[in-house]
Amino acid sequence: MHQNEKNILRYLVVNYQNPYPKDIFRWDNEGDVGFNRGRFNQHCYEIVENMRNDLLKEIDEGYK
């Protein structure tokens, strides 16, 4: 991988906007959680998958 390609990928990762609320799982959040560990695991898995898909989309659009 060339240095320019690494710089582009670094830029995409650093500037990636997190689409999830910062306070969704805070200890002082008094809202009802209403899900179990399996659901939480699925949620975390989907966060990573969504981020991967977003970054790949950004890379593909950057090389067009």
C-alpha atoms as a PDB file:
ATOM      1  CA  MET A   1       0.000   0.000   0.000  1.00  0.00           C
ATOM      2  CA  HIS A   2       1.371   3.398  -0.948  1.00  0.00           C
ATOM      3  CA  GLN A   3       1.757   6.202   1.594  1.00  0.00           C
ATOM      4  CA  ASN A   4      -0.922   8.258  -0.172  1.00  0.00           C
ATOM      5  CA  GLU A   5      -3.422   5.405   0.152  1.00  0.00           C
ATOM      6  CA  LYS A   6      -2.565   5.036   3.846  1.00  0.00           C
ATOM      7  CA  ASN A   7      -3.116   8.753   4.347  1.00  0.00           C
ATOM      8  CA  ILE A   8      -6.531   8.571   2.694  1.00  0.00           C
ATOM      9  CA  LEU A   9      -7.575   5.615   4.848  1.00  0.00           C
ATOM     10  CA  ARG A  10      -6.278   7.339   7.986  1.00  0.00           C
ATOM     11  CA  TYR A  11      -8.221  10.457   7.095  1.00  0.00           C
ATOM     12  CA  LEU A  12     -11.416   8.444   6.626  1.00  0.00           C
ATOM     13  CA  VAL A  13     -11.050   6.660   9.969  1.00  0.00           C
ATOM     14  CA  VAL A  14     -10.135   9.799  11.916  1.00  0.00           C
ATOM     15  CA  ASN A  15     -13.017  11.795  10.437  1.00  0.00           C
ATOM     16  CA  TYR A  16     -15.615   9.027  10.672  1.00  0.00           C
ATOM     17  CA  GLN A  17     -18.719  10.440  12.364  1.00  0.00           C
ATOM     18  CA  ASN A  18     -20.080   8.135  15.054  1.00  0.00           C
ATOM     19  CA  PRO A  19     -23.815   7.718  14.326  1.00  0.00           C
ATOM     20  CA  TYR A  20     -24.648   6.412  17.800  1.00  0.00           C
ATOM     21  CA  PRO A  21     -25.682   8.582  20.764  1.00  0.00           C
ATOM     22  CA  LYS A  22     -22.897   9.108  23.284  1.00  0.00           C
ATOM     23  CA  ASP A  23     -25.136   8.626  26.312  1.00  0.00           C
ATOM     24  CA  ILE A  24     -27.208   5.588  25.296  1.00  0.00           C
ATOM     25  CA  PHE A  25     -25.695   3.248  27.938  1.00  0.00           C
ATOM     26  CA  ARG A  26     -24.650   5.649  30.713  1.00  0.00           C
ATOM     27  CA  TRP A  27     -25.062   4.508  34.311  1.00  0.00           C
ATOM     28  CA  ASP A  28     -27.129   7.558  35.203  1.00  0.00           C
ATOM     29  CA  ASN A  29     -29.561   7.125  32.299  1.00  0.00           C
ATOM     30  CA  GLU A  30     -32.885   6.471  34.043  1.00  0.00           C
ATOM     31  CA  GLY A  31     -34.654   5.177  30.944  1.00  0.00           C
ATOM     32  CA  ASP A  32     -35.750   1.539  30.733  1.00  0.00           C
ATOM     33  CA  VAL A  33     -33.183  -0.556  28.894  1.00  0.00           C
ATOM     34  CA  GLY A  34     -35.588  -3.329  27.903  1.00  0.00           C
ATOM     35  CA  PHE A  35     -33.209  -5.809  26.274  1.00  0.00           C
ATOM     36  CA  ASN A  36     -31.065  -8.762  27.244  1.00  0.00           C
ATOM     37  CA  ARG A  37     -27.401  -9.642  26.757  1.00  0.00           C
ATOM     38  CA  GLY A  38     -28.121 -11.353  23.449  1.00  0.00           C
ATOM     39  CA  ARG A  39     -29.699  -8.194  22.105  1.00  0.00           C
ATOM     40  CA  PHE A  40     -26.831  -6.085  23.418  1.00  0.00           C
ATOM     41  CA  ASN A  41     -24.336  -8.440  21.769  1.00  0.00           C
ATOM     42  CA  GLN A  42     -26.247  -8.155  18.484  1.00  0.00           C
ATOM     43  CA  HIS A  43     -26.276  -4.361  18.843  1.00  0.00           C
ATOM     44  CA  CYS A  44     -22.495  -4.224  19.356  1.00  0.00           C
ATOM     45  CA  TYR A  45     -21.938  -6.578  16.418  1.00  0.00           C
ATOM     46  CA  GLU A  46     -24.096  -4.399  14.182  1.00  0.00           C
ATOM     47  CA  ILE A  47     -22.208  -1.269  15.243  1.00  0.00           C
ATOM     48  CA  VAL A  48     -18.961  -2.771  13.969  1.00  0.00           C
ATOM     49  CA  GLU A  49     -20.572  -4.064  10.780  1.00  0.00           C
ATOM     50  CA  ASN A  50     -22.192  -0.693  10.073  1.00  0.00           C
ATOM     51  CA  MET A  51     -18.893   1.093  10.640  1.00  0.00           C
ATOM     52  CA  ARG A  52     -17.109  -1.325   8.317  1.00  0.00           C
ATOM     53  CA  ASN A  53     -19.749  -0.793   5.615  1.00  0.00           C
ATOM     54  CA  ASP A  54     -19.593   2.991   6.014  1.00  0.00           C
ATOM     55  CA  LEU A  55     -15.803   3.035   5.718  1.00  0.00           C
ATOM     56  CA  LEU A  56     -15.846   0.768   2.669  1.00  0.00           C
ATOM     57  CA  LYS A  57     -18.455   3.022   1.074  1.00  0.00           C
ATOM     58  CA  GLU A  58     -16.295   6.078   1.777  1.00  0.00           C
ATOM     59  CA  ILE A  59     -13.230   4.351   0.312  1.00  0.00           C
ATOM     60  CA  ASP A  60     -15.135   3.299  -2.816  1.00  0.00           C
ATOM     61  CA  GLU A  61     -16.500   6.804  -3.312  1.00  0.00           C
ATOM     62  CA  GLY A  62     -13.048   8.303  -2.763  1.00  0.00           C
ATOM     63  CA  TYR A  63     -11.508   6.229  -5.558  1.00  0.00           C
ATOM     64  CA  LYS A  64     -14.113   7.046  -8.213  1.00  0.00           C
END
